[in-house]
Protein backbone atom coordinates (compact mmCIF):
# COMPACT_ATOMS: atom_id res chain seq x y z
CA UNK A 1 0.00 0.00 0.00
CA UNK A 2 2.63 2.55 1.01
CA UNK A 3 4.62 1.71 -2.11
CA UNK A 4 1.64 2.57 -4.34
CA UNK A 5 1.00 5.89 -2.60
CA UNK A 6 4.68 6.84 -2.98
CA UNK A 7 4.09 7.04 -6.76
CA UNK A 8 1.81 10.04 -6.20
CA UNK A 9 3.38 13.49 -5.94
CA UNK A 10 3.00 15.52 -2.75
CA UNK A 11 0.84 17.94 -4.74
CA UNK A 12 -1.48 15.11 -5.88
CA UNK A 13 -1.75 13.76 -2.33
CA UNK A 14 -2.58 17.26 -1.03
CA UNK A 15 -5.21 17.70 -3.76
CA UNK A 16 -6.77 14.33 -2.96
CA UNK A 17 -6.70 15.11 0.79
CA UNK A 18 -8.54 18.36 0.13
CA UNK A 19 -11.20 16.58 -1.94
CA UNK A 20 -11.45 13.75 0.59
CA UNK A 21 -11.93 16.16 3.50
CA UNK A 22 -14.49 18.19 1.58
CA UNK A 23 -16.72 15.14 1.18
CA UNK A 24 -16.04 13.51 4.55
CA UNK A 25 -19.11 15.35 5.82
CA UNK A 26 -19.02 14.11 9.39
CA UNK A 27 -15.22 14.47 9.70
CA UNK A 28 -15.00 10.84 10.79
CA UNK A 29 -12.07 10.04 8.51
CA UNK A 30 -13.95 7.96 5.96
CA UNK A 31 -16.41 8.44 3.10
CA UNK A 32 -19.44 6.43 2.01
CA UNK A 33 -20.20 5.12 -1.50
CA UNK A 34 -22.52 8.11 -2.07
CA UNK A 35 -19.88 10.59 -0.92
CA UNK A 36 -17.32 8.82 -3.11
CA UNK A 37 -19.42 9.53 -6.20
CA UNK A 38 -19.33 13.24 -5.40
CA UNK A 39 -15.56 13.14 -4.92
CA UNK A 40 -14.94 11.30 -8.18
CA UNK A 41 -17.15 13.71 -10.14
CA UNK A 42 -15.38 16.69 -8.58
CA UNK A 43 -12.11 15.25 -9.92
CA UNK A 44 -13.42 14.81 -13.46
CA UNK A 45 -14.46 11.14 -13.28
CA UNK A 46 -17.99 9.92 -14.04
CA UNK A 47 -18.47 6.47 -12.46
CA UNK A 48 -21.75 4.52 -12.37
CA UNK A 49 -23.27 3.38 -9.07
CA UNK A 50 -22.04 -0.17 -9.71
CA UNK A 51 -18.53 1.10 -10.50
CA UNK A 52 -18.55 3.06 -7.24
CA UNK A 53 -19.56 -0.02 -5.25
CA UNK A 54 -16.89 -2.08 -7.03
CA UNK A 55 -14.28 0.60 -6.26
CA UNK A 56 -15.15 0.56 -2.58
CA UNK A 57 -15.02 -3.25 -2.45
CA UNK A 58 -11.68 -3.33 -4.27
CA UNK A 59 -9.92 -1.05 -1.74
CA UNK A 60 -11.99 -1.48 1.44
CA UNK A 61 -9.30 -3.38 3.33
CA UNK A 62 -11.12 -3.38 6.66
CA UNK A 63 -14.46 -4.38 5.08
CA UNK A 64 -16.49 -1.64 6.80
CA UNK A 65 -18.15 -0.44 3.56
CA UNK A 66 -16.48 2.97 3.67
CA UNK A 67 -13.15 4.30 2.48
CA UNK A 68 -10.50 5.86 4.67
CA UNK A 69 -7.90 8.23 3.21
CA UNK A 70 -5.25 5.58 2.46
CA UNK A 71 -7.83 3.42 0.73
CA UNK A 72 -8.98 6.51 -1.19
CA UNK A 73 -5.44 7.25 -2.39
CA UNK A 74 -5.14 3.67 -3.64
CA UNK A 75 -8.39 4.01 -5.55
CA UNK A 76 -7.50 7.38 -7.10
CA UNK A 77 -4.21 5.95 -8.28
CA UNK A 78 -6.09 3.15 -10.08
CA UNK A 79 -8.42 5.73 -11.68
CA UNK A 80 -5.43 7.78 -12.87
CA UNK A 81 -3.81 4.68 -14.37
CA UNK A 82 -7.04 3.94 -16.22
CA UNK A 83 -6.93 7.43 -17.76
CA UNK A 84 -3.32 6.85 -18.86
CA UNK A 85 -4.30 3.51 -20.43
CA UNK A 86 -7.19 5.22 -22.28
CA UNK A 87 -4.82 7.89 -23.61
CA UNK A 88 -2.45 5.19 -24.91
CA UNK A 89 -5.36 3.43 -26.62
CA UNK A 90 -6.49 6.71 -28.18
CA UNK A 91 -3.00 7.39 -29.54
CA UNK A 92 -2.85 3.88 -31.00
CA UNK A 93 -6.26 4.35 -32.64
CA UNK A 94 -5.05 7.63 -34.18
CA UNK A 95 -1.99 5.83 -35.57
CA UNK A 96 -4.28 3.24 -37.22
CA UNK A 97 -6.07 6.05 -39.10
CA UNK A 98 -2.90 8.06 -39.82
CA UNK A 99 -1.49 5.59 -42.37
CA UNK A 100 1.38 7.82 -43.60
CA UNK A 101 2.36 8.86 -40.07
CA UNK A 102 2.33 12.59 -40.83
CA UNK A 103 0.23 13.46 -37.76
CA UNK A 104 -2.98 14.08 -39.71
CA UNK A 105 -5.90 11.97 -40.91
CA UNK A 106 -6.80 12.83 -44.49
CA UNK A 107 -10.12 12.01 -46.17
CA UNK A 108 -8.35 9.21 -48.09
CA UNK A 109 -7.00 7.69 -44.86
CA UNK A 110 -10.42 7.96 -43.20
CA UNK A 111 -12.12 6.31 -46.18
CA UNK A 112 -9.53 3.50 -46.23
CA UNK A 113 -9.95 2.64 -42.53
CA UNK A 114 -13.75 2.91 -42.64
CA UNK A 115 -13.85 0.61 -45.71
CA UNK A 116 -11.67 -1.91 -43.86
CA UNK A 117 -14.17 -1.74 -40.99
CA UNK A 118 -16.98 -2.59 -43.42
CA UNK A 119 -18.36 0.96 -43.72
CA UNK A 120 -18.75 1.89 -47.38
CA UNK A 121 -19.00 5.67 -47.37
CA UNK A 122 -19.65 8.08 -50.21
CA UNK A 123 -17.20 10.92 -50.84
CA UNK A 124 -19.79 13.27 -49.38
CA UNK A 125 -20.09 11.23 -46.16
CA UNK A 126 -16.31 11.14 -45.74
CA UNK A 127 -16.10 14.91 -46.24
CA UNK A 128 -18.94 15.42 -43.71
CA UNK A 129 -17.01 13.35 -41.15
CA UNK A 130 -13.82 15.34 -41.79
CA UNK A 131 -15.72 18.65 -41.60
CA UNK A 132 -17.42 17.66 -38.34
CA UNK A 133 -14.08 16.92 -36.65
CA UNK A 134 -11.90 19.52 -38.41
CA UNK A 135 -11.97 22.33 -35.85
CA UNK A 136 -9.17 24.43 -37.38
CA UNK A 137 -10.52 24.11 -40.95
CA UNK A 138 -7.35 22.73 -42.58
CA UNK A 139 -9.21 19.86 -44.29
CA UNK A 140 -7.71 17.08 -42.17
CA UNK A 141 -7.91 15.79 -38.60
CA UNK A 142 -4.98 16.21 -36.20
CA UNK A 143 -4.62 14.26 -32.94
CA UNK A 144 -6.33 16.91 -30.76
CA UNK A 145 -9.33 17.05 -33.11
CA UNK A 146 -9.46 13.24 -33.15
CA UNK A 147 -9.41 13.11 -29.33
CA UNK A 148 -12.23 15.68 -29.10
CA UNK A 149 -14.29 13.72 -31.64
CA UNK A 150 -13.83 10.49 -29.65
CA UNK A 151 -14.69 12.27 -26.36
CA UNK A 152 -17.90 13.67 -27.86
CA UNK A 153 -18.86 10.26 -29.21
CA UNK A 154 -18.27 8.69 -25.77
CA UNK A 155 -20.32 11.42 -24.09
CA UNK A 156 -23.18 10.85 -26.54
CA UNK A 157 -22.95 7.08 -26.09
CA UNK A 158 -23.18 7.40 -22.29
CA UNK A 159 -25.81 10.17 -22.13
CA UNK A 160 -29.30 8.81 -21.39
CA UNK A 161 -30.84 11.74 -23.31
CA UNK A 162 -29.26 10.48 -26.52
CA UNK A 163 -31.08 7.83 -28.47
CA UNK A 164 -28.90 5.91 -30.89
CA UNK A 165 -30.63 4.83 -34.05
CA UNK A 166 -29.10 2.38 -36.43
CA UNK A 167 -30.08 2.77 -40.05
CA UNK A 168 -28.29 0.16 -42.13
CA UNK A 169 -24.57 0.85 -41.86
CA UNK A 170 -25.05 4.33 -40.39
CA UNK A 171 -25.73 5.38 -36.83
CA UNK A 172 -27.52 8.55 -35.87
CA UNK A 173 -27.74 10.27 -32.51
CA UNK A 174 -30.74 12.26 -31.34
CA UNK A 175 -30.48 14.33 -28.16
CA UNK A 176 -33.57 14.80 -26.03
CA UNK A 177 -33.46 17.84 -23.75
CA UNK A 178 -35.69 17.94 -20.70
C-alpha atoms as a PDB file:
ATOM      1  CA  UNK A   1       0.000   0.000   0.000  1.00  0.00           C
ATOM      2  CA  UNK A   2       2.625   2.545   1.014  1.00  0.00           C
ATOM      3  CA  UNK A   3       4.618   1.709  -2.105  1.00  0.00           C
ATOM      4  CA  UNK A   4       1.637   2.574  -4.344  1.00  0.00           C
ATOM      5  CA  UNK A   5       0.997   5.889  -2.596  1.00  0.00           C
ATOM      6  CA  UNK A   6       4.675   6.841  -2.977  1.00  0.00           C
ATOM      7  CA  UNK A   7       4.090   7.041  -6.756  1.00  0.00           C
ATOM      8  CA  UNK A   8       1.811  10.038  -6.200  1.00  0.00           C
ATOM      9  CA  UNK A   9       3.378  13.488  -5.935  1.00  0.00           C
ATOM     10  CA  UNK A  10       2.997  15.515  -2.747  1.00  0.00           C
ATOM     11  CA  UNK A  11       0.845  17.937  -4.741  1.00  0.00           C
ATOM     12  CA  UNK A  12      -1.476  15.115  -5.876  1.00  0.00           C
ATOM     13  CA  UNK A  13      -1.749  13.764  -2.330  1.00  0.00           C
ATOM     14  CA  UNK A  14      -2.580  17.259  -1.033  1.00  0.00           C
ATOM     15  CA  UNK A  15      -5.215  17.700  -3.764  1.00  0.00           C
ATOM     16  CA  UNK A  16      -6.765  14.327  -2.957  1.00  0.00           C
ATOM     17  CA  UNK A  17      -6.703  15.110   0.791  1.00  0.00           C
ATOM     18  CA  UNK A  18      -8.537  18.361   0.133  1.00  0.00           C
ATOM     19  CA  UNK A  19     -11.203  16.578  -1.942  1.00  0.00           C
ATOM     20  CA  UNK A  20     -11.449  13.750   0.594  1.00  0.00           C
ATOM     21  CA  UNK A  21     -11.927  16.162   3.502  1.00  0.00           C
ATOM     22  CA  UNK A  22     -14.490  18.186   1.584  1.00  0.00           C
ATOM     23  CA  UNK A  23     -16.719  15.137   1.183  1.00  0.00           C
ATOM     24  CA  UNK A  24     -16.041  13.508   4.549  1.00  0.00           C
ATOM     25  CA  UNK A  25     -19.111  15.347   5.821  1.00  0.00           C
ATOM     26  CA  UNK A  26     -19.020  14.114   9.391  1.00  0.00           C
ATOM     27  CA  UNK A  27     -15.224  14.468   9.702  1.00  0.00           C
ATOM     28  CA  UNK A  28     -14.997  10.838  10.787  1.00  0.00           C
ATOM     29  CA  UNK A  29     -12.075  10.041   8.513  1.00  0.00           C
ATOM     30  CA  UNK A  30     -13.953   7.964   5.955  1.00  0.00           C
ATOM     31  CA  UNK A  31     -16.413   8.442   3.099  1.00  0.00           C
ATOM     32  CA  UNK A  32     -19.441   6.426   2.007  1.00  0.00           C
ATOM     33  CA  UNK A  33     -20.200   5.124  -1.504  1.00  0.00           C
ATOM     34  CA  UNK A  34     -22.516   8.110  -2.068  1.00  0.00           C
ATOM     35  CA  UNK A  35     -19.879  10.595  -0.921  1.00  0.00           C
ATOM     36  CA  UNK A  36     -17.318   8.818  -3.108  1.00  0.00           C
ATOM     37  CA  UNK A  37     -19.422   9.526  -6.195  1.00  0.00           C
ATOM     38  CA  UNK A  38     -19.333  13.237  -5.396  1.00  0.00           C
ATOM     39  CA  UNK A  39     -15.557  13.141  -4.917  1.00  0.00           C
ATOM     40  CA  UNK A  40     -14.939  11.297  -8.185  1.00  0.00           C
ATOM     41  CA  UNK A  41     -17.145  13.713 -10.140  1.00  0.00           C
ATOM     42  CA  UNK A  42     -15.376  16.692  -8.584  1.00  0.00           C
ATOM     43  CA  UNK A  43     -12.107  15.245  -9.923  1.00  0.00           C
ATOM     44  CA  UNK A  44     -13.422  14.813 -13.459  1.00  0.00           C
ATOM     45  CA  UNK A  45     -14.459  11.139 -13.275  1.00  0.00           C
ATOM     46  CA  UNK A  46     -17.994   9.920 -14.043  1.00  0.00           C
ATOM     47  CA  UNK A  47     -18.467   6.473 -12.457  1.00  0.00           C
ATOM     48  CA  UNK A  48     -21.753   4.522 -12.368  1.00  0.00           C
ATOM     49  CA  UNK A  49     -23.270   3.384  -9.069  1.00  0.00           C
ATOM     50  CA  UNK A  50     -22.039  -0.173  -9.712  1.00  0.00           C
ATOM     51  CA  UNK A  51     -18.528   1.099 -10.504  1.00  0.00           C
ATOM     52  CA  UNK A  52     -18.552   3.064  -7.240  1.00  0.00           C
ATOM     53  CA  UNK A  53     -19.559  -0.022  -5.248  1.00  0.00           C
ATOM     54  CA  UNK A  54     -16.891  -2.082  -7.028  1.00  0.00           C
ATOM     55  CA  UNK A  55     -14.282   0.598  -6.263  1.00  0.00           C
ATOM     56  CA  UNK A  56     -15.153   0.561  -2.578  1.00  0.00           C
ATOM     57  CA  UNK A  57     -15.016  -3.246  -2.452  1.00  0.00           C
ATOM     58  CA  UNK A  58     -11.678  -3.325  -4.274  1.00  0.00           C
ATOM     59  CA  UNK A  59      -9.922  -1.047  -1.735  1.00  0.00           C
ATOM     60  CA  UNK A  60     -11.985  -1.480   1.438  1.00  0.00           C
ATOM     61  CA  UNK A  61      -9.295  -3.378   3.329  1.00  0.00           C
ATOM     62  CA  UNK A  62     -11.119  -3.381   6.664  1.00  0.00           C
ATOM     63  CA  UNK A  63     -14.461  -4.383   5.082  1.00  0.00           C
ATOM     64  CA  UNK A  64     -16.486  -1.642   6.795  1.00  0.00           C
ATOM     65  CA  UNK A  65     -18.147  -0.443   3.558  1.00  0.00           C
ATOM     66  CA  UNK A  66     -16.484   2.966   3.673  1.00  0.00           C
ATOM     67  CA  UNK A  67     -13.148   4.296   2.476  1.00  0.00           C
ATOM     68  CA  UNK A  68     -10.498   5.862   4.675  1.00  0.00           C
ATOM     69  CA  UNK A  69      -7.905   8.230   3.211  1.00  0.00           C
ATOM     70  CA  UNK A  70      -5.246   5.583   2.456  1.00  0.00           C
ATOM     71  CA  UNK A  71      -7.831   3.420   0.729  1.00  0.00           C
ATOM     72  CA  UNK A  72      -8.982   6.513  -1.188  1.00  0.00           C
ATOM     73  CA  UNK A  73      -5.437   7.246  -2.393  1.00  0.00           C
ATOM     74  CA  UNK A  74      -5.140   3.674  -3.642  1.00  0.00           C
ATOM     75  CA  UNK A  75      -8.393   4.014  -5.551  1.00  0.00           C
ATOM     76  CA  UNK A  76      -7.500   7.378  -7.100  1.00  0.00           C
ATOM     77  CA  UNK A  77      -4.206   5.953  -8.285  1.00  0.00           C
ATOM     78  CA  UNK A  78      -6.091   3.151 -10.080  1.00  0.00           C
ATOM     79  CA  UNK A  79      -8.422   5.727 -11.684  1.00  0.00           C
ATOM     80  CA  UNK A  80      -5.432   7.782 -12.867  1.00  0.00           C
ATOM     81  CA  UNK A  81      -3.808   4.677 -14.366  1.00  0.00           C
ATOM     82  CA  UNK A  82      -7.036   3.936 -16.222  1.00  0.00           C
ATOM     83  CA  UNK A  83      -6.934   7.435 -17.765  1.00  0.00           C
ATOM     84  CA  UNK A  84      -3.316   6.854 -18.863  1.00  0.00           C
ATOM     85  CA  UNK A  85      -4.302   3.513 -20.435  1.00  0.00           C
ATOM     86  CA  UNK A  86      -7.186   5.220 -22.278  1.00  0.00           C
ATOM     87  CA  UNK A  87      -4.821   7.885 -23.615  1.00  0.00           C
ATOM     88  CA  UNK A  88      -2.454   5.193 -24.910  1.00  0.00           C
ATOM     89  CA  UNK A  89      -5.362   3.425 -26.620  1.00  0.00           C
ATOM     90  CA  UNK A  90      -6.492   6.708 -28.183  1.00  0.00           C
ATOM     91  CA  UNK A  91      -2.998   7.391 -29.544  1.00  0.00           C
ATOM     92  CA  UNK A  92      -2.849   3.880 -30.996  1.00  0.00           C
ATOM     93  CA  UNK A  93      -6.257   4.353 -32.642  1.00  0.00           C
ATOM     94  CA  UNK A  94      -5.053   7.632 -34.177  1.00  0.00           C
ATOM     95  CA  UNK A  95      -1.994   5.829 -35.572  1.00  0.00           C
ATOM     96  CA  UNK A  96      -4.282   3.243 -37.223  1.00  0.00           C
ATOM     97  CA  UNK A  97      -6.065   6.046 -39.104  1.00  0.00           C
ATOM     98  CA  UNK A  98      -2.900   8.060 -39.818  1.00  0.00           C
ATOM     99  CA  UNK A  99      -1.489   5.593 -42.369  1.00  0.00           C
ATOM    100  CA  UNK A 100       1.378   7.815 -43.600  1.00  0.00           C
ATOM    101  CA  UNK A 101       2.356   8.859 -40.072  1.00  0.00           C
ATOM    102  CA  UNK A 102       2.328  12.590 -40.828  1.00  0.00           C
ATOM    103  CA  UNK A 103       0.228  13.457 -37.755  1.00  0.00           C
ATOM    104  CA  UNK A 104      -2.977  14.077 -39.714  1.00  0.00           C
ATOM    105  CA  UNK A 105      -5.897  11.973 -40.911  1.00  0.00           C
ATOM    106  CA  UNK A 106      -6.804  12.831 -44.490  1.00  0.00           C
ATOM    107  CA  UNK A 107     -10.116  12.011 -46.172  1.00  0.00           C
ATOM    108  CA  UNK A 108      -8.352   9.213 -48.088  1.00  0.00           C
ATOM    109  CA  UNK A 109      -7.000   7.688 -44.857  1.00  0.00           C
ATOM    110  CA  UNK A 110     -10.416   7.958 -43.201  1.00  0.00           C
ATOM    111  CA  UNK A 111     -12.122   6.314 -46.185  1.00  0.00           C
ATOM    112  CA  UNK A 112      -9.530   3.503 -46.228  1.00  0.00           C
ATOM    113  CA  UNK A 113      -9.952   2.636 -42.534  1.00  0.00           C
ATOM    114  CA  UNK A 114     -13.746   2.910 -42.644  1.00  0.00           C
ATOM    115  CA  UNK A 115     -13.849   0.614 -45.709  1.00  0.00           C
ATOM    116  CA  UNK A 116     -11.669  -1.913 -43.860  1.00  0.00           C
ATOM    117  CA  UNK A 117     -14.172  -1.736 -40.987  1.00  0.00           C
ATOM    118  CA  UNK A 118     -16.982  -2.590 -43.421  1.00  0.00           C
ATOM    119  CA  UNK A 119     -18.356   0.955 -43.719  1.00  0.00           C
ATOM    120  CA  UNK A 120     -18.747   1.887 -47.376  1.00  0.00           C
ATOM    121  CA  UNK A 121     -18.998   5.668 -47.371  1.00  0.00           C
ATOM    122  CA  UNK A 122     -19.654   8.078 -50.213  1.00  0.00           C
ATOM    123  CA  UNK A 123     -17.196  10.917 -50.840  1.00  0.00           C
ATOM    124  CA  UNK A 124     -19.787  13.275 -49.382  1.00  0.00           C
ATOM    125  CA  UNK A 125     -20.095  11.228 -46.164  1.00  0.00           C
ATOM    126  CA  UNK A 126     -16.309  11.137 -45.743  1.00  0.00           C
ATOM    127  CA  UNK A 127     -16.100  14.911 -46.238  1.00  0.00           C
ATOM    128  CA  UNK A 128     -18.940  15.423 -43.714  1.00  0.00           C
ATOM    129  CA  UNK A 129     -17.006  13.347 -41.149  1.00  0.00           C
ATOM    130  CA  UNK A 130     -13.824  15.342 -41.786  1.00  0.00           C
ATOM    131  CA  UNK A 131     -15.719  18.652 -41.604  1.00  0.00           C
ATOM    132  CA  UNK A 132     -17.416  17.658 -38.337  1.00  0.00           C
ATOM    133  CA  UNK A 133     -14.076  16.922 -36.652  1.00  0.00           C
ATOM    134  CA  UNK A 134     -11.897  19.519 -38.409  1.00  0.00           C
ATOM    135  CA  UNK A 135     -11.969  22.334 -35.850  1.00  0.00           C
ATOM    136  CA  UNK A 136      -9.172  24.429 -37.382  1.00  0.00           C
ATOM    137  CA  UNK A 137     -10.518  24.111 -40.947  1.00  0.00           C
ATOM    138  CA  UNK A 138      -7.352  22.730 -42.579  1.00  0.00           C
ATOM    139  CA  UNK A 139      -9.206  19.864 -44.288  1.00  0.00           C
ATOM    140  CA  UNK A 140      -7.709  17.076 -42.172  1.00  0.00           C
ATOM    141  CA  UNK A 141      -7.908  15.794 -38.598  1.00  0.00           C
ATOM    142  CA  UNK A 142      -4.979  16.209 -36.204  1.00  0.00           C
ATOM    143  CA  UNK A 143      -4.622  14.264 -32.942  1.00  0.00           C
ATOM    144  CA  UNK A 144      -6.330  16.908 -30.762  1.00  0.00           C
ATOM    145  CA  UNK A 145      -9.331  17.048 -33.113  1.00  0.00           C
ATOM    146  CA  UNK A 146      -9.458  13.235 -33.150  1.00  0.00           C
ATOM    147  CA  UNK A 147      -9.413  13.114 -29.333  1.00  0.00           C
ATOM    148  CA  UNK A 148     -12.226  15.679 -29.101  1.00  0.00           C
ATOM    149  CA  UNK A 149     -14.290  13.721 -31.641  1.00  0.00           C
ATOM    150  CA  UNK A 150     -13.833  10.491 -29.648  1.00  0.00           C
ATOM    151  CA  UNK A 151     -14.689  12.269 -26.361  1.00  0.00           C
ATOM    152  CA  UNK A 152     -17.896  13.672 -27.861  1.00  0.00           C
ATOM    153  CA  UNK A 153     -18.862  10.258 -29.214  1.00  0.00           C
ATOM    154  CA  UNK A 154     -18.268   8.693 -25.768  1.00  0.00           C
ATOM    155  CA  UNK A 155     -20.324  11.417 -24.091  1.00  0.00           C
ATOM    156  CA  UNK A 156     -23.175  10.851 -26.541  1.00  0.00           C
ATOM    157  CA  UNK A 157     -22.949   7.082 -26.087  1.00  0.00           C
ATOM    158  CA  UNK A 158     -23.180   7.402 -22.293  1.00  0.00           C
ATOM    159  CA  UNK A 159     -25.809  10.172 -22.131  1.00  0.00           C
ATOM    160  CA  UNK A 160     -29.305   8.806 -21.392  1.00  0.00           C
ATOM    161  CA  UNK A 161     -30.843  11.745 -23.307  1.00  0.00           C
ATOM    162  CA  UNK A 162     -29.262  10.479 -26.523  1.00  0.00           C
ATOM    163  CA  UNK A 163     -31.085   7.831 -28.470  1.00  0.00           C
ATOM    164  CA  UNK A 164     -28.898   5.915 -30.885  1.00  0.00           C
ATOM    165  CA  UNK A 165     -30.633   4.832 -34.052  1.00  0.00           C
ATOM    166  CA  UNK A 166     -29.097   2.380 -36.426  1.00  0.00           C
ATOM    167  CA  UNK A 167     -30.080   2.773 -40.048  1.00  0.00           C
ATOM    168  CA  UNK A 168     -28.291   0.163 -42.130  1.00  0.00           C
ATOM    169  CA  UNK A 169     -24.569   0.850 -41.860  1.00  0.00           C
ATOM    170  CA  UNK A 170     -25.047   4.329 -40.391  1.00  0.00           C
ATOM    171  CA  UNK A 171     -25.727   5.376 -36.831  1.00  0.00           C
ATOM    172  CA  UNK A 172     -27.524   8.553 -35.867  1.00  0.00           C
ATOM    173  CA  UNK A 173     -27.744  10.268 -32.509  1.00  0.00           C
ATOM    174  CA  UNK A 174     -30.744  12.265 -31.337  1.00  0.00           C
ATOM    175  CA  UNK A 175     -30.478  14.331 -28.159  1.00  0.00           C
ATOM    176  CA  UNK A 176     -33.570  14.795 -26.034  1.00  0.00           C
ATOM    177  CA  UNK A 177     -33.463  17.838 -23.752  1.00  0.00           C
ATOM    178  CA  UNK A 178     -35.690  17.939 -20.701  1.00  0.00           C
END
